[in-house]
Amino acid sequence: LRFYGQIALDQLIQRSVVTQAAEQDRVAVSEADITTFQNEVQRGLGKSGFQAVLDREGITEADWRERTRYVLLAEKVV
């Protein structure tokens, strides 16, 4: 619990920092940006491969899209 709690706290802090930097720089990630990225990933993995990744991670597609939002937002901030 201590290990995973620290990871979760670190992720929350990173998301907060990214969100603040994005607001300051006036950058955003749209649903279309996420969908485009998702389509690229699915093309590379195939639909069943993408689902296998979700299953292995134990997350839903909505969770994956939310995680991806912060990755893409961080890239735009950098």
PDB file of N, CA and C in Angstrom:
ATOM      1  N   LEU A   1       0.832  -1.194   0.000  1.00  0.00           N
ATOM      2  CA  LEU A   1       0.000   0.000   0.000  1.00  0.00           C
ATOM      3  C   LEU A   1       0.876   1.257   0.000  1.00  0.00           C
ATOM      4  N   ARG A   2       1.950   1.226   0.771  1.00  0.00           N
ATOM      5  CA  ARG A   2       2.834   2.389   0.824  1.00  0.00           C
ATOM      6  C   ARG A   2       3.451   2.663  -0.542  1.00  0.00           C
ATOM      7  N   PHE A   3       3.888   1.617  -1.241  1.00  0.00           N
ATOM      8  CA  PHE A   3       4.511   1.770  -2.561  1.00  0.00           C
ATOM      9  C   PHE A   3       3.520   2.330  -3.568  1.00  0.00           C
ATOM     10  N   TYR A   4       2.352   1.702  -3.688  1.00  0.00           N
ATOM     11  CA  TYR A   4       1.372   2.149  -4.675  1.00  0.00           C
ATOM     12  C   TYR A   4       0.750   3.487  -4.292  1.00  0.00           C
ATOM     13  N   GLY A   5       0.635   3.750  -3.016  1.00  0.00           N
ATOM     14  CA  GLY A   5       0.137   5.052  -2.569  1.00  0.00           C
ATOM     15  C   GLY A   5       1.073   6.171  -2.996  1.00  0.00           C
ATOM     16  N   GLN A   6       2.371   5.934  -2.900  1.00  0.00           N
ATOM     17  CA  GLN A   6       3.352   6.932  -3.315  1.00  0.00           C
ATOM     18  C   GLN A   6       3.302   7.154  -4.817  1.00  0.00           C
ATOM     19  N   ILE A   7       3.132   6.073  -5.574  1.00  0.00           N
ATOM     20  CA  ILE A   7       3.028   6.199  -7.032  1.00  0.00           C
ATOM     21  C   ILE A   7       1.800   7.024  -7.395  1.00  0.00           C
ATOM     22  N   ALA A   8       0.676   6.740  -6.755  1.00  0.00           N
ATOM     23  CA  ALA A   8      -0.556   7.481  -7.031  1.00  0.00           C
ATOM     24  C   ALA A   8      -0.388   8.952  -6.674  1.00  0.00           C
ATOM     25  N   LEU A   9       0.243   9.230  -5.549  1.00  0.00           N
ATOM     26  CA  LEU A   9       0.478  10.618  -5.146  1.00  0.00           C
ATOM     27  C   LEU A   9       1.383  11.324  -6.150  1.00  0.00           C
ATOM     28  N   ASP A  10       2.435  10.656  -6.584  1.00  0.00           N
ATOM     29  CA  ASP A  10       3.337  11.240  -7.588  1.00  0.00           C
ATOM     30  C   ASP A  10       2.596  11.560  -8.884  1.00  0.00           C
ATOM     31  N   GLN A  11       1.715  10.651  -9.308  1.00  0.00           N
ATOM     32  CA  GLN A  11       0.946  10.882 -10.533  1.00  0.00           C
ATOM     33  C   GLN A  11       0.015  12.078 -10.382  1.00  0.00           C
ATOM     34  N   LEU A  12      -0.620  12.200  -9.234  1.00  0.00           N
ATOM     35  CA  LEU A  12      -1.505  13.344  -8.999  1.00  0.00           C
ATOM     36  C   LEU A  12      -0.735  14.656  -9.024  1.00  0.00           C
ATOM     37  N   ILE A  13       0.436  14.651  -8.425  1.00  0.00           N
ATOM     38  CA  ILE A  13       1.272  15.863  -8.418  1.00  0.00           C
ATOM     39  C   ILE A  13       1.706  16.202  -9.844  1.00  0.00           C
ATOM     40  N   GLN A  14       2.151  15.197 -10.599  1.00  0.00           N
ATOM     41  CA  GLN A  14       2.580  15.436 -11.977  1.00  0.00           C
ATOM     42  C   GLN A  14       1.429  15.973 -12.824  1.00  0.00           C
ATOM     43  N   ARG A  15       0.245  15.411 -12.664  1.00  0.00           N
ATOM     44  CA  ARG A  15      -0.910  15.886 -13.421  1.00  0.00           C
ATOM     45  C   ARG A  15      -1.248  17.330 -13.049  1.00  0.00           C
ATOM     46  N   SER A  16      -1.130  17.653 -11.785  1.00  0.00           N
ATOM     47  CA  SER A  16      -1.412  19.011 -11.343  1.00  0.00           C
ATOM     48  C   SER A  16      -0.412  20.003 -11.943  1.00  0.00           C
ATOM     49  N   VAL A  17       0.860  19.640 -11.937  1.00  0.00           N
ATOM     50  CA  VAL A  17       1.899  20.500 -12.501  1.00  0.00           C
ATOM     51  C   VAL A  17       1.692  20.681 -14.000  1.00  0.00           C
ATOM     52  N   VAL A  18       1.386  19.581 -14.695  1.00  0.00           N
ATOM     53  CA  VAL A  18       1.148  19.650 -16.146  1.00  0.00           C
ATOM     54  C   VAL A  18      -0.064  20.524 -16.435  1.00  0.00           C
ATOM     55  N   THR A  19      -1.131  20.344 -15.675  1.00  0.00           N
ATOM     56  CA  THR A  19      -2.349  21.132 -15.874  1.00  0.00           C
ATOM     57  C   THR A  19      -2.076  22.616 -15.667  1.00  0.00           C
ATOM     58  N   GLN A  20      -1.349  22.951 -14.623  1.00  0.00           N
ATOM     59  CA  GLN A  20      -1.024  24.356 -14.350  1.00  0.00           C
ATOM     60  C   GLN A  20      -0.153  24.949 -15.456  1.00  0.00           C
ATOM     61  N   ALA A  21       0.832  24.191 -15.907  1.00  0.00           N
ATOM     62  CA  ALA A  21       1.708  24.681 -16.976  1.00  0.00           C
ATOM     63  C   ALA A  21       0.922  24.855 -18.274  1.00  0.00           C
ATOM     64  N   ALA A  22       0.008  23.937 -18.550  1.00  0.00           N
ATOM     65  CA  ALA A  22      -0.801  24.033 -19.770  1.00  0.00           C
ATOM     66  C   ALA A  22      -1.704  25.260 -19.716  1.00  0.00           C
ATOM     67  N   GLU A  23      -2.286  25.516 -18.566  1.00  0.00           N
ATOM     68  CA  GLU A  23      -3.130  26.700 -18.428  1.00  0.00           C
ATOM     69  C   GLU A  23      -2.309  27.971 -18.611  1.00  0.00           C
ATOM     70  N   GLN A  24      -1.126  27.981 -18.037  1.00  0.00           N
ATOM     71  CA  GLN A  24      -0.250  29.150 -18.159  1.00  0.00           C
ATOM     72  C   GLN A  24       0.166  29.375 -19.612  1.00  0.00           C
ATOM     73  N   ASP A  25       0.450  28.285 -20.327  1.00  0.00           N
ATOM     74  CA  ASP A  25       0.878  28.381 -21.731  1.00  0.00           C
ATOM     75  C   ASP A  25      -0.292  28.417 -22.698  1.00  0.00           C
ATOM     76  N   ARG A  26      -1.489  28.282 -22.156  1.00  0.00           N
ATOM     77  CA  ARG A  26      -2.720  28.277 -22.959  1.00  0.00           C
ATOM     78  C   ARG A  26      -2.712  27.185 -24.032  1.00  0.00           C
ATOM     79  N   VAL A  27      -2.353  25.981 -23.610  1.00  0.00           N
ATOM     80  CA  VAL A  27      -2.416  24.833 -24.507  1.00  0.00           C
ATOM     81  C   VAL A  27      -3.431  23.837 -23.955  1.00  0.00           C
ATOM     82  N   ALA A  28      -4.003  23.059 -24.842  1.00  0.00           N
ATOM     83  CA  ALA A  28      -5.002  22.073 -24.444  1.00  0.00           C
ATOM     84  C   ALA A  28      -4.938  20.873 -25.376  1.00  0.00           C
ATOM     85  N   VAL A  29      -5.549  19.801 -24.938  1.00  0.00           N
ATOM     86  CA  VAL A  29      -5.678  18.593 -25.744  1.00  0.00           C
ATOM     87  C   VAL A  29      -7.165  18.352 -25.939  1.00  0.00           C
ATOM     88  N   SER A  30      -7.570  18.253 -27.187  1.00  0.00           N
ATOM     89  CA  SER A  30      -8.986  18.043 -27.495  1.00  0.00           C
ATOM     90  C   SER A  30      -9.295  16.546 -27.560  1.00  0.00           C
ATOM     91  N   GLU A  31     -10.578  16.245 -27.536  1.00  0.00           N
ATOM     92  CA  GLU A  31     -11.007  14.855 -27.713  1.00  0.00           C
ATOM     93  C   GLU A  31     -10.553  14.341 -29.080  1.00  0.00           C
ATOM     94  N   ALA A  32     -10.549  15.221 -30.077  1.00  0.00           N
ATOM     95  CA  ALA A  32     -10.088  14.834 -31.408  1.00  0.00           C
ATOM     96  C   ALA A  32      -8.609  14.447 -31.390  1.00  0.00           C
ATOM     97  N   ASP A  33      -7.801  15.182 -30.612  1.00  0.00           N
ATOM     98  CA  ASP A  33      -6.375  14.837 -30.486  1.00  0.00           C
ATOM     99  C   ASP A  33      -6.217  13.437 -29.904  1.00  0.00           C
ATOM    100  N   ILE A  34      -6.991  13.137 -28.872  1.00  0.00           N
ATOM    101  CA  ILE A  34      -6.909  11.834 -28.226  1.00  0.00           C
ATOM    102  C   ILE A  34      -7.387  10.740 -29.179  1.00  0.00           C
ATOM    103  N   THR A  35      -8.473  10.994 -29.881  1.00  0.00           N
ATOM    104  CA  THR A  35      -9.007  10.012 -30.823  1.00  0.00           C
ATOM    105  C   THR A  35      -8.009   9.729 -31.931  1.00  0.00           C
ATOM    106  N   THR A  36      -7.365  10.766 -32.451  1.00  0.00           N
ATOM    107  CA  THR A  36      -6.352  10.588 -33.495  1.00  0.00           C
ATOM    108  C   THR A  36      -5.216   9.710 -32.981  1.00  0.00           C
ATOM    109  N   PHE A  37      -4.741   9.992 -31.783  1.00  0.00           N
ATOM    110  CA  PHE A  37      -3.664   9.200 -31.193  1.00  0.00           C
ATOM    111  C   PHE A  37      -4.119   7.759 -30.968  1.00  0.00           C
ATOM    112  N   GLN A  38      -5.336   7.593 -30.466  1.00  0.00           N
ATOM    113  CA  GLN A  38      -5.866   6.258 -30.223  1.00  0.00           C
ATOM    114  C   GLN A  38      -5.956   5.469 -31.522  1.00  0.00           C
ATOM    115  N   ASN A  39      -6.405   6.112 -32.582  1.00  0.00           N
ATOM    116  CA  ASN A  39      -6.490   5.434 -33.885  1.00  0.00           C
ATOM    117  C   ASN A  39      -5.116   4.987 -34.363  1.00  0.00           C
ATOM    118  N   GLU A  40      -4.095   5.801 -34.139  1.00  0.00           N
ATOM    119  CA  GLU A  40      -2.733   5.437 -34.519  1.00  0.00           C
ATOM    120  C   GLU A  40      -2.259   4.219 -33.724  1.00  0.00           C
ATOM    121  N   VAL A  41      -2.543   4.228 -32.428  1.00  0.00           N
ATOM    122  CA  VAL A  41      -2.146   3.107 -31.578  1.00  0.00           C
ATOM    123  C   VAL A  41      -2.875   1.835 -32.013  1.00  0.00           C
ATOM    124  N   GLN A  42      -4.178   1.951 -32.271  1.00  0.00           N
ATOM    125  CA  GLN A  42      -4.952   0.787 -32.683  1.00  0.00           C
ATOM    126  C   GLN A  42      -4.506   0.253 -34.047  1.00  0.00           C
ATOM    127  N   ARG A  43      -4.096   1.152 -34.936  1.00  0.00           N
ATOM    128  CA  ARG A  43      -3.568   0.701 -36.232  1.00  0.00           C
ATOM    129  C   ARG A  43      -2.313  -0.134 -36.018  1.00  0.00           C
ATOM    130  N   GLY A  44      -1.477   0.308 -35.094  1.00  0.00           N
ATOM    131  CA  GLY A  44      -0.235  -0.412 -34.825  1.00  0.00           C
ATOM    132  C   GLY A  44      -0.446  -1.731 -34.100  1.00  0.00           C
ATOM    133  N   LEU A  45      -1.378  -1.758 -33.160  1.00  0.00           N
ATOM    134  CA  LEU A  45      -1.597  -2.954 -32.348  1.00  0.00           C
ATOM    135  C   LEU A  45      -2.726  -3.837 -32.856  1.00  0.00           C
ATOM    136  N   GLY A  46      -3.601  -3.252 -33.644  1.00  0.00           N
ATOM    137  CA  GLY A  46      -4.833  -3.954 -34.006  1.00  0.00           C
ATOM    138  C   GLY A  46      -5.841  -3.794 -32.877  1.00  0.00           C
ATOM    139  N   LYS A  47      -7.105  -3.924 -33.204  1.00  0.00           N
ATOM    140  CA  LYS A  47      -8.166  -3.728 -32.209  1.00  0.00           C
ATOM    141  C   LYS A  47      -8.021  -4.700 -31.043  1.00  0.00           C
ATOM    142  N   SER A  48      -7.756  -5.968 -31.343  1.00  0.00           N
ATOM    143  CA  SER A  48      -7.616  -6.953 -30.268  1.00  0.00           C
ATOM    144  C   SER A  48      -6.346  -6.718 -29.463  1.00  0.00           C
ATOM    145  N   GLY A  49      -5.288  -6.244 -30.121  1.00  0.00           N
ATOM    146  CA  GLY A  49      -4.050  -5.925 -29.409  1.00  0.00           C
ATOM    147  C   GLY A  49      -4.232  -4.761 -28.458  1.00  0.00           C
ATOM    148  N   PHE A  50      -4.993  -3.762 -28.898  1.00  0.00           N
ATOM    149  CA  PHE A  50      -5.281  -2.617 -28.046  1.00  0.00           C
ATOM    150  C   PHE A  50      -6.073  -3.062 -26.826  1.00  0.00           C
ATOM    151  N   GLN A  51      -7.075  -3.900 -27.050  1.00  0.00           N
ATOM    152  CA  GLN A  51      -7.880  -4.408 -25.936  1.00  0.00           C
ATOM    153  C   GLN A  51      -7.027  -5.242 -24.994  1.00  0.00           C
ATOM    154  N   ALA A  52      -6.085  -5.991 -25.530  1.00  0.00           N
ATOM    155  CA  ALA A  52      -5.190  -6.798 -24.700  1.00  0.00           C
ATOM    156  C   ALA A  52      -4.348  -5.904 -23.789  1.00  0.00           C
ATOM    157  N   VAL A  53      -3.903  -4.776 -24.314  1.00  0.00           N
ATOM    158  CA  VAL A  53      -3.136  -3.828 -23.501  1.00  0.00           C
ATOM    159  C   VAL A  53      -4.009  -3.296 -22.353  1.00  0.00           C
ATOM    160  N   LEU A  54      -5.242  -2.931 -22.680  1.00  0.00           N
ATOM    161  CA  LEU A  54      -6.156  -2.446 -21.638  1.00  0.00           C
ATOM    162  C   LEU A  54      -6.370  -3.516 -20.571  1.00  0.00           C
ATOM    163  N   ASP A  55      -6.602  -4.733 -21.002  1.00  0.00           N
ATOM    164  CA  ASP A  55      -6.817  -5.834 -20.065  1.00  0.00           C
ATOM    165  C   ASP A  55      -5.595  -6.071 -19.189  1.00  0.00           C
ATOM    166  N   ARG A  56      -4.423  -6.048 -19.791  1.00  0.00           N
ATOM    167  CA  ARG A  56      -3.177  -6.270 -19.048  1.00  0.00           C
ATOM    168  C   ARG A  56      -2.966  -5.169 -18.009  1.00  0.00           C
ATOM    169  N   GLU A  57      -3.308  -3.934 -18.370  1.00  0.00           N
ATOM    170  CA  GLU A  57      -3.164  -2.811 -17.449  1.00  0.00           C
ATOM    171  C   GLU A  57      -4.291  -2.767 -16.416  1.00  0.00           C
ATOM    172  N   GLY A  58      -5.386  -3.473 -16.714  1.00  0.00           N
ATOM    173  CA  GLY A  58      -6.529  -3.471 -15.806  1.00  0.00           C
ATOM    174  C   GLY A  58      -7.286  -2.155 -15.829  1.00  0.00           C
ATOM    175  N   ILE A  59      -7.346  -1.534 -17.017  1.00  0.00           N
ATOM    176  CA  ILE A  59      -8.020  -0.241 -17.152  1.00  0.00           C
ATOM    177  C   ILE A  59      -9.048  -0.298 -18.274  1.00  0.00           C
ATOM    178  N   THR A  60      -9.948   0.657 -18.253  1.00  0.00           N
ATOM    179  CA  THR A  60     -10.939   0.776 -19.311  1.00  0.00           C
ATOM    180  C   THR A  60     -10.407   1.700 -20.396  1.00  0.00           C
ATOM    181  N   GLU A  61     -11.124   1.730 -21.505  1.00  0.00           N
ATOM    182  CA  GLU A  61     -10.743   2.646 -22.581  1.00  0.00           C
ATOM    183  C   GLU A  61     -10.828   4.101 -22.096  1.00  0.00           C
ATOM    184  N   ALA A  62     -11.827   4.404 -21.292  1.00  0.00           N
ATOM    185  CA  ALA A  62     -11.965   5.767 -20.752  1.00  0.00           C
ATOM    186  C   ALA A  62     -10.777   6.122 -19.862  1.00  0.00           C
ATOM    187  N   ASP A  63     -10.311   5.165 -19.056  1.00  0.00           N
ATOM    188  CA  ASP A  63      -9.118   5.401 -18.226  1.00  0.00           C
ATOM    189  C   ASP A  63      -7.898   5.653 -19.100  1.00  0.00           C
ATOM    190  N   TRP A  64      -7.761   4.853 -20.157  1.00  0.00           N
ATOM    191  CA  TRP A  64      -6.628   5.002 -21.064  1.00  0.00           C
ATOM    192  C   TRP A  64      -6.655   6.377 -21.723  1.00  0.00           C
ATOM    193  N   ARG A  65      -7.847   6.811 -22.153  1.00  0.00           N
ATOM    194  CA  ARG A  65      -7.978   8.114 -22.801  1.00  0.00           C
ATOM    195  C   ARG A  65      -7.610   9.240 -21.825  1.00  0.00           C
ATOM    196  N   GLU A  66      -7.998   9.113 -20.571  1.00  0.00           N
ATOM    197  CA  GLU A  66      -7.664  10.139 -19.583  1.00  0.00           C
ATOM    198  C   GLU A  66      -6.155  10.181 -19.343  1.00  0.00           C
ATOM    199  N   ARG A  67      -5.541   9.020 -19.235  1.00  0.00           N
ATOM    200  CA  ARG A  67      -4.083   8.952 -19.063  1.00  0.00           C
ATOM    201  C   ARG A  67      -3.386   9.560 -20.278  1.00  0.00           C
ATOM    202  N   THR A  68      -3.895   9.230 -21.458  1.00  0.00           N
ATOM    203  CA  THR A  68      -3.322   9.741 -22.698  1.00  0.00           C
ATOM    204  C   THR A  68      -3.448  11.256 -22.785  1.00  0.00           C
ATOM    205  N   ARG A  69      -4.557  11.796 -22.274  1.00  0.00           N
ATOM    206  CA  ARG A  69      -4.751  13.250 -22.267  1.00  0.00           C
ATOM    207  C   ARG A  69      -3.564  13.944 -21.590  1.00  0.00           C
ATOM    208  N   TYR A  70      -3.131  13.430 -20.445  1.00  0.00           N
ATOM    209  CA  TYR A  70      -2.029  14.059 -19.722  1.00  0.00           C
ATOM    210  C   TYR A  70      -0.689  13.849 -20.411  1.00  0.00           C
ATOM    211  N   VAL A  71      -0.510  12.714 -21.055  1.00  0.00           N
ATOM    212  CA  VAL A  71       0.731  12.488 -21.809  1.00  0.00           C
ATOM    213  C   VAL A  71       0.825  13.488 -22.959  1.00  0.00           C
ATOM    214  N   LEU A  72      -0.263  13.617 -23.719  1.00  0.00           N
ATOM    215  CA  LEU A  72      -0.265  14.556 -24.846  1.00  0.00           C
ATOM    216  C   LEU A  72      -0.158  16.003 -24.366  1.00  0.00           C
ATOM    217  N   LEU A  73      -0.799  16.306 -23.258  1.00  0.00           N
ATOM    218  CA  LEU A  73      -0.722  17.654 -22.714  1.00  0.00           C
ATOM    219  C   LEU A  73       0.710  17.976 -22.277  1.00  0.00           C
ATOM    220  N   ALA A  74       1.357  17.020 -21.636  1.00  0.00           N
ATOM    221  CA  ALA A  74       2.753  17.224 -21.219  1.00  0.00           C
ATOM    222  C   ALA A  74       3.644  17.458 -22.430  1.00  0.00           C
ATOM    223  N   GLU A  75       3.403  16.718 -23.516  1.00  0.00           N
ATOM    224  CA  GLU A  75       4.202  16.907 -24.736  1.00  0.00           C
ATOM    225  C   GLU A  75       4.002  18.314 -25.294  1.00  0.00           C
ATOM    226  N   LYS A  76       2.780  18.804 -25.264  1.00  0.00           N
ATOM    227  CA  LYS A  76       2.515  20.159 -25.779  1.00  0.00           C
ATOM    228  C   LYS A  76       3.167  21.219 -24.899  1.00  0.00           C
ATOM    229  N   VAL A  77       3.175  20.990 -23.598  1.00  0.00           N
ATOM    230  CA  VAL A  77       3.787  21.949 -22.672  1.00  0.00           C
ATOM    231  C   VAL A  77       5.290  22.020 -22.902  1.00  0.00           C
ATOM    232  N   VAL A  78       5.901  20.877 -23.120  1.00  0.00           N
ATOM    233  CA  VAL A  78       7.346  20.823 -23.339  1.00  0.00           C
ATOM    234  C   VAL A  78       7.651  21.441 -24.668  1.00  0.00           C
TER     235      VAL A  78
END
